[in-house]
């Protein structure tokens, strides 16, 4: 039995010693030439701020009656469904309660 323990401990010690060895070559990072200043290639245009554009109704820029109608439907539907949120969210809340019972803190 002592021989088995000795072989076992020898195997563990050998594994730990070999695990600490690295056979990879030393890392040499390549030297990358960098420019003193950034240079643009080709023609470019100056940025133009769009502060004058509407932020709340951005879809009106496309002049699409279909898109306007879809956005109005979305906004009206959201306004109608917000007061009913606590009622429609009951299944989600009950699922959270069941999960908390299974996995107490």
PDB file of N, CA and C in Angstrom:
ATOM      1  N   UNK A   1       0.807  -1.182   0.000  1.00  0.00           N
ATOM      2  CA  UNK A   1       0.000   0.000   0.000  1.00  0.00           C
ATOM      3  C   UNK A   1       0.861   1.260   0.000  1.00  0.00           C
ATOM      4  N   UNK A   2       1.961   1.241   0.724  1.00  0.00           N
ATOM      5  CA  UNK A   2       2.818   2.423   0.766  1.00  0.00           C
ATOM      6  C   UNK A   2       3.481   2.660  -0.586  1.00  0.00           C
ATOM      7  N   UNK A   3       3.747   1.572  -1.302  1.00  0.00           N
ATOM      8  CA  UNK A   3       4.349   1.731  -2.626  1.00  0.00           C
ATOM      9  C   UNK A   3       3.373   2.421  -3.583  1.00  0.00           C
ATOM     10  N   UNK A   4       2.091   2.074  -3.483  1.00  0.00           N
ATOM     11  CA  UNK A   4       1.065   2.695  -4.319  1.00  0.00           C
ATOM     12  C   UNK A   4       0.971   4.176  -4.001  1.00  0.00           C
ATOM     13  N   UNK A   5       1.010   4.521  -2.718  1.00  0.00           N
ATOM     14  CA  UNK A   5       0.963   5.925  -2.317  1.00  0.00           C
ATOM     15  C   UNK A   5       2.184   6.673  -2.838  1.00  0.00           C
ATOM     16  N   UNK A   6       3.347   6.035  -2.777  1.00  0.00           N
ATOM     17  CA  UNK A   6       4.570   6.671  -3.261  1.00  0.00           C
ATOM     18  C   UNK A   6       4.512   6.922  -4.764  1.00  0.00           C
ATOM     19  N   UNK A   7       3.989   5.955  -5.513  1.00  0.00           N
ATOM     20  CA  UNK A   7       3.852   6.117  -6.961  1.00  0.00           C
ATOM     21  C   UNK A   7       2.844   7.211  -7.272  1.00  0.00           C
ATOM     22  N   UNK A   8       1.768   7.238  -6.503  1.00  0.00           N
ATOM     23  CA  UNK A   8       0.737   8.256  -6.703  1.00  0.00           C
ATOM     24  C   UNK A   8       1.295   9.649  -6.446  1.00  0.00           C
ATOM     25  N   UNK A   9       1.986   9.833  -5.344  1.00  0.00           N
ATOM     26  CA  UNK A   9       2.562  11.138  -5.018  1.00  0.00           C
ATOM     27  C   UNK A   9       3.649  11.521  -6.019  1.00  0.00           C
ATOM     28  N   UNK A  10       4.400  10.551  -6.482  1.00  0.00           N
ATOM     29  CA  UNK A  10       5.422  10.844  -7.494  1.00  0.00           C
ATOM     30  C   UNK A  10       4.764  11.306  -8.785  1.00  0.00           C
ATOM     31  N   UNK A  11       3.680  10.675  -9.163  1.00  0.00           N
ATOM     32  CA  UNK A  11       2.951  11.073 -10.371  1.00  0.00           C
ATOM     33  C   UNK A  11       2.375  12.476 -10.235  1.00  0.00           C
ATOM     34  N   UNK A  12       1.830  12.798  -9.068  1.00  0.00           N
ATOM     35  CA  UNK A  12       1.280  14.138  -8.837  1.00  0.00           C
ATOM     36  C   UNK A  12       2.381  15.181  -8.893  1.00  0.00           C
ATOM     37  N   UNK A  13       3.515  14.892  -8.238  1.00  0.00           N
ATOM     38  CA  UNK A  13       4.635  15.846  -8.239  1.00  0.00           C
ATOM     39  C   UNK A  13       5.176  16.038  -9.648  1.00  0.00           C
ATOM     40  N   UNK A  14       5.290  14.970 -10.426  1.00  0.00           N
ATOM     41  CA  UNK A  14       5.782  15.067 -11.801  1.00  0.00           C
ATOM     42  C   UNK A  14       4.814  15.874 -12.665  1.00  0.00           C
ATOM     43  N   UNK A  15       3.528  15.675 -12.470  1.00  0.00           N
ATOM     44  CA  UNK A  15       2.523  16.422 -13.223  1.00  0.00           C
ATOM     45  C   UNK A  15       2.604  17.908 -12.902  1.00  0.00           C
ATOM     46  N   UNK A  16       2.747  18.245 -11.630  1.00  0.00           N
ATOM     47  CA  UNK A  16       2.842  19.650 -11.243  1.00  0.00           C
ATOM     48  C   UNK A  16       4.109  20.298 -11.787  1.00  0.00           C
ATOM     49  N   UNK A  17       5.214  19.570 -11.739  1.00  0.00           N
ATOM     50  CA  UNK A  17       6.471  20.127 -12.249  1.00  0.00           C
ATOM     51  C   UNK A  17       6.420  20.334 -13.758  1.00  0.00           C
ATOM     52  N   UNK A  18       5.886  19.371 -14.485  1.00  0.00           N
ATOM     53  CA  UNK A  18       5.810  19.502 -15.932  1.00  0.00           C
ATOM     54  C   UNK A  18       4.756  20.526 -16.355  1.00  0.00           C
ATOM     55  N   UNK A  19       3.750  20.688 -15.530  1.00  0.00           N
ATOM     56  CA  UNK A  19       2.728  21.687 -15.826  1.00  0.00           C
ATOM     57  C   UNK A  19       3.260  23.101 -15.707  1.00  0.00           C
ATOM     58  N   UNK A  20       4.295  23.294 -14.918  1.00  0.00           N
ATOM     59  CA  UNK A  20       4.870  24.617 -14.736  1.00  0.00           C
ATOM     60  C   UNK A  20       5.874  24.952 -15.833  1.00  0.00           C
ATOM     61  N   UNK A  21       6.267  23.987 -16.633  1.00  0.00           N
ATOM     62  CA  UNK A  21       7.240  24.240 -17.696  1.00  0.00           C
ATOM     63  C   UNK A  21       6.538  24.820 -18.916  1.00  0.00           C
ATOM     64  N   UNK A  22       7.202  25.743 -19.554  1.00  0.00           N
ATOM     65  CA  UNK A  22       6.667  26.317 -20.786  1.00  0.00           C
ATOM     66  C   UNK A  22       7.619  25.990 -21.918  1.00  0.00           C
ATOM     67  N   UNK A  23       7.105  25.373 -22.962  1.00  0.00           N
ATOM     68  CA  UNK A  23       7.931  25.012 -24.101  1.00  0.00           C
ATOM     69  C   UNK A  23       7.784  26.013 -25.254  1.00  0.00           C
ATOM     70  N   UNK A  24       7.011  27.064 -25.027  1.00  0.00           N
ATOM     71  CA  UNK A  24       6.795  28.067 -26.067  1.00  0.00           C
ATOM     72  C   UNK A  24       8.012  28.986 -26.162  1.00  0.00           C
ATOM     73  N   UNK A  25       8.329  29.454 -27.359  1.00  0.00           N
ATOM     74  CA  UNK A  25       9.453  30.383 -27.488  1.00  0.00           C
ATOM     75  C   UNK A  25       9.099  31.728 -26.857  1.00  0.00           C
ATOM     76  N   UNK A  26      10.098  32.515 -26.481  1.00  0.00           N
ATOM     77  CA  UNK A  26       9.803  33.811 -25.879  1.00  0.00           C
ATOM     78  C   UNK A  26       9.090  34.731 -26.885  1.00  0.00           C
ATOM     79  N   UNK A  27       8.156  35.510 -26.393  1.00  0.00           N
ATOM     80  CA  UNK A  27       7.357  36.380 -27.237  1.00  0.00           C
ATOM     81  C   UNK A  27       8.177  37.586 -27.681  1.00  0.00           C
ATOM     82  N   UNK A  28       8.198  37.813 -28.980  1.00  0.00           N
ATOM     83  CA  UNK A  28       8.887  38.982 -29.534  1.00  0.00           C
ATOM     84  C   UNK A  28       7.845  39.787 -30.305  1.00  0.00           C
ATOM     85  N   UNK A  29       7.507  40.953 -29.794  1.00  0.00           N
ATOM     86  CA  UNK A  29       6.514  41.784 -30.470  1.00  0.00           C
ATOM     87  C   UNK A  29       7.173  42.508 -31.637  1.00  0.00           C
ATOM     88  N   UNK A  30       6.539  42.519 -32.795  1.00  0.00           N
ATOM     89  CA  UNK A  30       7.129  43.182 -33.950  1.00  0.00           C
ATOM     90  C   UNK A  30       7.080  44.702 -33.812  1.00  0.00           C
ATOM     91  N   UNK A  31       8.037  45.346 -34.403  1.00  0.00           N
ATOM     92  CA  UNK A  31       8.070  46.799 -34.402  1.00  0.00           C
ATOM     93  C   UNK A  31       7.219  47.291 -35.570  1.00  0.00           C
ATOM     94  N   UNK A  32       6.240  48.130 -35.256  1.00  0.00           N
ATOM     95  CA  UNK A  32       5.324  48.641 -36.263  1.00  0.00           C
ATOM     96  C   UNK A  32       5.644  50.118 -36.489  1.00  0.00           C
ATOM     97  N   UNK A  33       5.931  50.489 -37.731  1.00  0.00           N
ATOM     98  CA  UNK A  33       6.213  51.911 -37.972  1.00  0.00           C
ATOM     99  C   UNK A  33       4.930  52.736 -37.844  1.00  0.00           C
ATOM    100  N   UNK A  34       5.023  53.838 -37.141  1.00  0.00           N
ATOM    101  CA  UNK A  34       3.875  54.723 -36.979  1.00  0.00           C
ATOM    102  C   UNK A  34       4.195  56.089 -37.572  1.00  0.00           C
ATOM    103  N   UNK A  35       3.169  56.732 -38.064  1.00  0.00           N
ATOM    104  CA  UNK A  35       3.340  58.057 -38.670  1.00  0.00           C
ATOM    105  C   UNK A  35       3.330  59.128 -37.584  1.00  0.00           C
ATOM    106  N   UNK A  36       3.934  60.264 -37.892  1.00  0.00           N
ATOM    107  CA  UNK A  36       3.945  61.372 -36.942  1.00  0.00           C
ATOM    108  C   UNK A  36       2.567  62.016 -36.840  1.00  0.00           C
ATOM    109  N   UNK A  37       1.835  62.039 -37.953  1.00  0.00           N
ATOM    110  CA  UNK A  37       0.503  62.642 -37.967  1.00  0.00           C
ATOM    111  C   UNK A  37      -0.408  61.818 -38.870  1.00  0.00           C
ATOM    112  N   UNK A  38      -1.710  61.914 -38.637  1.00  0.00           N
ATOM    113  CA  UNK A  38      -2.685  61.196 -39.443  1.00  0.00           C
ATOM    114  C   UNK A  38      -2.895  61.938 -40.749  1.00  0.00           C
ATOM    115  N   UNK A  39      -2.875  61.212 -41.844  1.00  0.00           N
ATOM    116  CA  UNK A  39      -3.087  61.816 -43.155  1.00  0.00           C
ATOM    117  C   UNK A  39      -4.322  61.200 -43.786  1.00  0.00           C
ATOM    118  N   UNK A  40      -5.164  62.053 -44.361  1.00  0.00           N
ATOM    119  CA  UNK A  40      -6.348  61.572 -45.055  1.00  0.00           C
ATOM    120  C   UNK A  40      -5.985  61.197 -46.476  1.00  0.00           C
ATOM    121  N   UNK A  41      -6.618  60.160 -46.945  1.00  0.00           N
ATOM    122  CA  UNK A  41      -6.402  59.733 -48.317  1.00  0.00           C
ATOM    123  C   UNK A  41      -7.629  60.124 -49.126  1.00  0.00           C
ATOM    124  N   UNK A  42      -7.444  60.799 -50.219  1.00  0.00           N
ATOM    125  CA  UNK A  42      -8.550  61.164 -51.098  1.00  0.00           C
ATOM    126  C   UNK A  42      -9.296  62.385 -50.600  1.00  0.00           C
ATOM    127  N   UNK A  43     -10.398  62.678 -51.273  1.00  0.00           N
ATOM    128  CA  UNK A  43     -11.178  63.847 -50.889  1.00  0.00           C
ATOM    129  C   UNK A  43     -12.102  63.489 -49.722  1.00  0.00           C
ATOM    130  N   UNK A  44     -12.366  64.458 -48.884  1.00  0.00           N
ATOM    131  CA  UNK A  44     -13.244  64.244 -47.748  1.00  0.00           C
ATOM    132  C   UNK A  44     -14.084  65.485 -47.552  1.00  0.00           C
ATOM    133  N   UNK A  45     -15.171  65.317 -46.828  1.00  0.00           N
ATOM    134  CA  UNK A  45     -16.068  66.443 -46.592  1.00  0.00           C
ATOM    135  C   UNK A  45     -16.154  66.733 -45.107  1.00  0.00           C
ATOM    136  N   UNK A  46     -16.398  67.975 -44.803  1.00  0.00           N
ATOM    137  CA  UNK A  46     -16.539  68.404 -43.419  1.00  0.00           C
ATOM    138  C   UNK A  46     -17.869  67.882 -42.868  1.00  0.00           C
ATOM    139  N   UNK A  47     -17.882  67.472 -41.622  1.00  0.00           N
ATOM    140  CA  UNK A  47     -19.115  66.987 -40.993  1.00  0.00           C
ATOM    141  C   UNK A  47     -20.084  68.147 -40.824  1.00  0.00           C
ATOM    142  N   UNK A  48     -21.365  67.860 -41.016  1.00  0.00           N
ATOM    143  CA  UNK A  48     -22.391  68.891 -40.866  1.00  0.00           C
ATOM    144  C   UNK A  48     -23.368  68.442 -39.791  1.00  0.00           C
ATOM    145  N   UNK A  49     -23.464  69.181 -38.692  1.00  0.00           N
ATOM    146  CA  UNK A  49     -24.391  68.793 -37.629  1.00  0.00           C
ATOM    147  C   UNK A  49     -25.830  68.830 -38.124  1.00  0.00           C
ATOM    148  N   UNK A  50     -26.628  67.926 -37.623  1.00  0.00           N
ATOM    149  CA  UNK A  50     -28.026  67.841 -38.032  1.00  0.00           C
ATOM    150  C   UNK A  50     -28.940  68.267 -36.887  1.00  0.00           C
ATOM    151  N   UNK A  51     -28.570  69.319 -36.169  1.00  0.00           N
ATOM    152  CA  UNK A  51     -29.374  69.776 -35.045  1.00  0.00           C
ATOM    153  C   UNK A  51     -30.709  70.358 -35.474  1.00  0.00           C
ATOM    154  N   UNK A  52     -30.805  70.809 -36.697  1.00  0.00           N
ATOM    155  CA  UNK A  52     -32.047  71.413 -37.163  1.00  0.00           C
ATOM    156  C   UNK A  52     -33.107  70.357 -37.496  1.00  0.00           C
ATOM    157  N   UNK A  53     -32.724  69.120 -37.617  1.00  0.00           N
ATOM    158  CA  UNK A  53     -33.667  68.057 -37.962  1.00  0.00           C
ATOM    159  C   UNK A  53     -34.505  67.668 -36.744  1.00  0.00           C
ATOM    160  N   UNK A  54     -35.747  67.254 -36.971  1.00  0.00           N
ATOM    161  CA  UNK A  54     -36.596  66.864 -35.831  1.00  0.00           C
ATOM    162  C   UNK A  54     -36.092  65.579 -35.185  1.00  0.00           C
ATOM    163  N   UNK A  55     -36.074  65.582 -33.865  1.00  0.00           N
ATOM    164  CA  UNK A  55     -35.591  64.402 -33.147  1.00  0.00           C
ATOM    165  C   UNK A  55     -36.721  63.481 -32.727  1.00  0.00           C
ATOM    166  N   UNK A  56     -37.907  64.025 -32.534  1.00  0.00           N
ATOM    167  CA  UNK A  56     -38.999  63.195 -32.065  1.00  0.00           C
ATOM    168  C   UNK A  56     -39.735  62.484 -33.201  1.00  0.00           C
ATOM    169  N   UNK A  57     -39.783  63.084 -34.380  1.00  0.00           N
ATOM    170  CA  UNK A  57     -40.476  62.451 -35.512  1.00  0.00           C
ATOM    171  C   UNK A  57     -39.511  62.344 -36.693  1.00  0.00           C
ATOM    172  N   UNK A  58     -38.509  61.531 -36.543  1.00  0.00           N
ATOM    173  CA  UNK A  58     -37.451  61.398 -37.539  1.00  0.00           C
ATOM    174  C   UNK A  58     -37.954  60.782 -38.837  1.00  0.00           C
ATOM    175  N   UNK A  59     -39.019  59.990 -38.754  1.00  0.00           N
ATOM    176  CA  UNK A  59     -39.509  59.286 -39.934  1.00  0.00           C
ATOM    177  C   UNK A  59     -40.164  60.230 -40.945  1.00  0.00           C
ATOM    178  N   UNK A  60     -40.469  61.452 -40.552  1.00  0.00           N
ATOM    179  CA  UNK A  60     -41.100  62.394 -41.493  1.00  0.00           C
ATOM    180  C   UNK A  60     -40.130  62.836 -42.578  1.00  0.00           C
ATOM    181  N   UNK A  61     -38.844  62.604 -42.385  1.00  0.00           N
ATOM    182  CA  UNK A  61     -37.844  62.969 -43.394  1.00  0.00           C
ATOM    183  C   UNK A  61     -38.025  62.165 -44.677  1.00  0.00           C
ATOM    184  N   UNK A  62     -38.641  60.984 -44.579  1.00  0.00           N
ATOM    185  CA  UNK A  62     -38.783  60.105 -45.738  1.00  0.00           C
ATOM    186  C   UNK A  62     -40.050  60.383 -46.550  1.00  0.00           C
ATOM    187  N   UNK A  63     -40.932  61.242 -46.074  1.00  0.00           N
ATOM    188  CA  UNK A  63     -42.171  61.602 -46.772  1.00  0.00           C
ATOM    189  C   UNK A  63     -42.939  60.367 -47.237  1.00  0.00           C
ATOM    190  N   UNK A  64     -43.130  59.439 -46.336  1.00  0.00           N
ATOM    191  CA  UNK A  64     -43.850  58.212 -46.657  1.00  0.00           C
ATOM    192  C   UNK A  64     -45.102  58.141 -45.789  1.00  0.00           C
ATOM    193  N   UNK A  65     -46.252  58.108 -46.442  1.00  0.00           N
ATOM    194  CA  UNK A  65     -47.517  58.032 -45.709  1.00  0.00           C
ATOM    195  C   UNK A  65     -47.629  56.696 -44.981  1.00  0.00           C
ATOM    196  N   UNK A  66     -47.121  55.639 -45.587  1.00  0.00           N
ATOM    197  CA  UNK A  66     -47.176  54.317 -44.958  1.00  0.00           C
ATOM    198  C   UNK A  66     -46.357  54.287 -43.674  1.00  0.00           C
ATOM    199  N   UNK A  67     -45.161  54.866 -43.733  1.00  0.00           N
ATOM    200  CA  UNK A  67     -44.304  54.907 -42.550  1.00  0.00           C
ATOM    201  C   UNK A  67     -44.923  55.782 -41.469  1.00  0.00           C
ATOM    202  N   UNK A  68     -45.532  56.904 -41.860  1.00  0.00           N
ATOM    203  CA  UNK A  68     -46.217  57.755 -40.881  1.00  0.00           C
ATOM    204  C   UNK A  68     -47.337  56.982 -40.180  1.00  0.00           C
ATOM    205  N   UNK A  69     -48.119  56.250 -40.965  1.00  0.00           N
ATOM    206  CA  UNK A  69     -49.207  55.477 -40.377  1.00  0.00           C
ATOM    207  C   UNK A  69     -48.704  54.396 -39.439  1.00  0.00           C
ATOM    208  N   UNK A  70     -47.639  53.717 -39.833  1.00  0.00           N
ATOM    209  CA  UNK A  70     -47.081  52.665 -38.971  1.00  0.00           C
ATOM    210  C   UNK A  70     -46.560  53.244 -37.657  1.00  0.00           C
ATOM    211  N   UNK A  71     -45.908  54.387 -37.736  1.00  0.00           N
ATOM    212  CA  UNK A  71     -45.388  55.014 -36.517  1.00  0.00           C
ATOM    213  C   UNK A  71     -46.515  55.477 -35.614  1.00  0.00           C
ATOM    214  N   UNK A  72     -47.571  56.042 -36.196  1.00  0.00           N
ATOM    215  CA  UNK A  72     -48.712  56.470 -35.380  1.00  0.00           C
ATOM    216  C   UNK A  72     -49.363  55.271 -34.697  1.00  0.00           C
ATOM    217  N   UNK A  73     -49.503  54.167 -35.428  1.00  0.00           N
ATOM    218  CA  UNK A  73     -50.066  52.950 -34.842  1.00  0.00           C
ATOM    219  C   UNK A  73     -49.196  52.453 -33.696  1.00  0.00           C
ATOM    220  N   UNK A  74     -47.903  52.487 -33.885  1.00  0.00           N
ATOM    221  CA  UNK A  74     -46.981  52.034 -32.850  1.00  0.00           C
ATOM    222  C   UNK A  74     -47.069  52.922 -31.625  1.00  0.00           C
ATOM    223  N   UNK A  75     -47.072  54.225 -31.827  1.00  0.00           N
ATOM    224  CA  UNK A  75     -47.118  55.153 -30.700  1.00  0.00           C
ATOM    225  C   UNK A  75     -48.449  55.033 -29.964  1.00  0.00           C
ATOM    226  N   UNK A  76     -49.560  54.992 -30.706  1.00  0.00           N
ATOM    227  CA  UNK A  76     -50.865  54.875 -30.066  1.00  0.00           C
ATOM    228  C   UNK A  76     -51.004  53.541 -29.335  1.00  0.00           C
ATOM    229  N   UNK A  77     -50.501  52.477 -29.917  1.00  0.00           N
ATOM    230  CA  UNK A  77     -50.553  51.172 -29.267  1.00  0.00           C
ATOM    231  C   UNK A  77     -49.741  51.147 -27.994  1.00  0.00           C
ATOM    232  N   UNK A  78     -48.604  51.817 -27.993  1.00  0.00           N
ATOM    233  CA  UNK A  78     -47.770  51.872 -26.801  1.00  0.00           C
ATOM    234  C   UNK A  78     -48.468  52.668 -25.710  1.00  0.00           C
ATOM    235  N   UNK A  79     -49.081  53.774 -26.092  1.00  0.00           N
ATOM    236  CA  UNK A  79     -49.784  54.585 -25.099  1.00  0.00           C
ATOM    237  C   UNK A  79     -50.958  53.823 -24.495  1.00  0.00           C
ATOM    238  N   UNK A  80     -51.640  53.044 -25.310  1.00  0.00           N
ATOM    239  CA  UNK A  80     -52.776  52.286 -24.808  1.00  0.00           C
ATOM    240  C   UNK A  80     -52.336  51.122 -23.931  1.00  0.00           C
ATOM    241  N   UNK A  81     -51.203  50.510 -24.265  1.00  0.00           N
ATOM    242  CA  UNK A  81     -50.803  49.310 -23.532  1.00  0.00           C
ATOM    243  C   UNK A  81     -50.041  49.623 -22.249  1.00  0.00           C
ATOM    244  N   UNK A  82     -49.534  50.849 -22.089  1.00  0.00           N
ATOM    245  CA  UNK A  82     -48.778  51.174 -20.887  1.00  0.00           C
ATOM    246  C   UNK A  82     -49.620  51.098 -19.617  1.00  0.00           C
ATOM    247  N   UNK A  83     -50.857  51.613 -19.601  1.00  0.00           N
ATOM    248  CA  UNK A  83     -51.641  51.484 -18.363  1.00  0.00           C
ATOM    249  C   UNK A  83     -51.960  50.030 -18.014  1.00  0.00           C
ATOM    250  N   UNK A  84     -51.980  49.148 -18.995  1.00  0.00           N
ATOM    251  CA  UNK A  84     -52.306  47.744 -18.749  1.00  0.00           C
ATOM    252  C   UNK A  84     -51.065  46.895 -18.470  1.00  0.00           C
ATOM    253  N   UNK A  85     -49.907  47.529 -18.358  1.00  0.00           N
ATOM    254  CA  UNK A  85     -48.663  46.774 -18.176  1.00  0.00           C
ATOM    255  C   UNK A  85     -48.674  45.901 -16.929  1.00  0.00           C
ATOM    256  N   UNK A  86     -49.133  46.401 -15.776  1.00  0.00           N
ATOM    257  CA  UNK A  86     -49.123  45.517 -14.599  1.00  0.00           C
ATOM    258  C   UNK A  86     -50.003  44.285 -14.777  1.00  0.00           C
ATOM    259  N   UNK A  87     -51.092  44.410 -15.527  1.00  0.00           N
ATOM    260  CA  UNK A  87     -51.989  43.276 -15.733  1.00  0.00           C
ATOM    261  C   UNK A  87     -51.362  42.262 -16.690  1.00  0.00           C
ATOM    262  N   UNK A  88     -50.779  42.755 -17.778  1.00  0.00           N
ATOM    263  CA  UNK A  88     -50.215  41.832 -18.777  1.00  0.00           C
ATOM    264  C   UNK A  88     -48.900  41.225 -18.320  1.00  0.00           C
ATOM    265  N   UNK A  89     -48.285  41.804 -17.296  1.00  0.00           N
ATOM    266  CA  UNK A  89     -46.990  41.304 -16.857  1.00  0.00           C
ATOM    267  C   UNK A  89     -47.110  40.304 -15.709  1.00  0.00           C
ATOM    268  N   UNK A  90     -48.309  39.945 -15.300  1.00  0.00           N
ATOM    269  CA  UNK A  90     -48.482  39.005 -14.189  1.00  0.00           C
ATOM    270  C   UNK A  90     -47.850  37.635 -14.434  1.00  0.00           C
ATOM    271  N   UNK A  91     -47.969  37.049 -15.635  1.00  0.00           N
ATOM    272  CA  UNK A  91     -47.308  35.743 -15.834  1.00  0.00           C
ATOM    273  C   UNK A  91     -45.793  35.830 -15.658  1.00  0.00           C
ATOM    274  N   UNK A  92     -45.202  36.911 -16.083  1.00  0.00           N
ATOM    275  CA  UNK A  92     -43.758  37.062 -15.918  1.00  0.00           C
ATOM    276  C   UNK A  92     -43.371  37.183 -14.466  1.00  0.00           C
ATOM    277  N   UNK A  93     -44.146  37.941 -13.718  1.00  0.00           N
ATOM    278  CA  UNK A  93     -43.853  38.107 -12.296  1.00  0.00           C
ATOM    279  C   UNK A  93     -44.030  36.796 -11.540  1.00  0.00           C
ATOM    280  N   UNK A  94     -45.042  36.029 -11.901  1.00  0.00           N
ATOM    281  CA  UNK A  94     -45.233  34.755 -11.205  1.00  0.00           C
ATOM    282  C   UNK A  94     -44.109  33.778 -11.545  1.00  0.00           C
ATOM    283  N   UNK A  95     -43.600  33.832 -12.761  1.00  0.00           N
ATOM    284  CA  UNK A  95     -42.467  32.964 -13.114  1.00  0.00           C
ATOM    285  C   UNK A  95     -41.231  33.340 -12.305  1.00  0.00           C
ATOM    286  N   UNK A  96     -41.041  34.626 -12.083  1.00  0.00           N
ATOM    287  CA  UNK A  96     -39.898  35.071 -11.273  1.00  0.00           C
ATOM    288  C   UNK A  96     -40.060  34.595  -9.839  1.00  0.00           C
ATOM    289  N   UNK A  97     -41.273  34.692  -9.312  1.00  0.00           N
ATOM    290  CA  UNK A  97     -41.507  34.219  -7.943  1.00  0.00           C
ATOM    291  C   UNK A  97     -41.227  32.718  -7.814  1.00  0.00           C
ATOM    292  N   UNK A  98     -41.667  31.940  -8.794  1.00  0.00           N
ATOM    293  CA  UNK A  98     -41.402  30.491  -8.756  1.00  0.00           C
ATOM    294  C   UNK A  98     -39.910  30.206  -8.819  1.00  0.00           C
ATOM    295  N   UNK A  99     -39.192  30.966  -9.628  1.00  0.00           N
ATOM    296  CA  UNK A  99     -37.749  30.750  -9.735  1.00  0.00           C
ATOM    297  C   UNK A  99     -37.060  31.110  -8.424  1.00  0.00           C
ATOM    298  N   UNK A 100     -37.531  32.147  -7.746  1.00  0.00           N
ATOM    299  CA  UNK A 100     -36.917  32.535  -6.474  1.00  0.00           C
ATOM    300  C   UNK A 100     -37.158  31.493  -5.391  1.00  0.00           C
ATOM    301  N   UNK A 101     -38.299  30.805  -5.461  1.00  0.00           N
ATOM    302  CA  UNK A 101     -38.566  29.749  -4.495  1.00  0.00           C
ATOM    303  C   UNK A 101     -37.598  28.586  -4.725  1.00  0.00           C
ATOM    304  N   UNK A 102     -37.333  28.269  -5.992  1.00  0.00           N
ATOM    305  CA  UNK A 102     -36.419  27.149  -6.306  1.00  0.00           C
ATOM    306  C   UNK A 102     -34.973  27.486  -6.014  1.00  0.00           C
ATOM    307  N   UNK A 103     -34.601  28.750  -6.168  1.00  0.00           N
ATOM    308  CA  UNK A 103     -33.207  29.162  -5.985  1.00  0.00           C
ATOM    309  C   UNK A 103     -33.126  30.300  -4.963  1.00  0.00           C
ATOM    310  N   UNK A 104     -33.253  29.982  -3.671  1.00  0.00           N
ATOM    311  CA  UNK A 104     -33.194  31.054  -2.659  1.00  0.00           C
ATOM    312  C   UNK A 104     -31.781  31.624  -2.569  1.00  0.00           C
ATOM    313  N   UNK A 105     -31.710  32.827  -2.092  1.00  0.00           N
ATOM    314  CA  UNK A 105     -30.393  33.481  -1.946  1.00  0.00           C
ATOM    315  C   UNK A 105     -29.690  33.022  -0.728  1.00  0.00           C
TER     316      UNK A 105
END
